[in-house]
Amino acid sequence: MFKTLNDFKRSFNTELSRPSRFDVYLFPPTGLLSSYSTYEMVYRCENAQLPGRTFATADQRTYGPIEKYPYLTTYNDLDLTFIVSGDMREKYFFDDWFEYVNPKNTNNFGYKEDYSTDLLINQYDMSNNMTYSVRIIKAYPMSI
């Protein structure tokens, strides 16, 4: 395909995607809205591993070699790294959200429809033009 290094370099018509140019719009779960005065929060994200999608497959053999057939779409976990301000407000928010999912004093998990929410992840190029956007539905923190 590429005969020389210069051929490879010329194949890039635009700059490469940057792993550190994201912002995340977060819509707090309704149970946390009383603690936070905004319906929509924007966080600076220094690293995002965008969600992947795969097929679960089943092996089937009718005649000849075994073939794989998809039967279910699965989604990978989302990994976000946020920039935390000096007053630690981002950390406090995620700690509160984690506590809302599973309070330490009862150890009873809430209902997913109560603690999950939507995220909007935007990626930008070096000129701050949005190059990609994805909405994550029913997200919640799994680790902090």
Foldseek 3Di string as FASTA:
>chain_A
DDDDPVSVVVVDPDDDFDQAAKKKKWQFFPVCCVVPVDRIDIFRWGGKDDKDKDFDWDWDPDDDDIDTDGDDIDIDDIDTHTDADPVRPVVVVLVVLVCQQAPPVPRDGDDLNRSFAKMKMFGADPVRDTDDIDIDGSDGDPDD
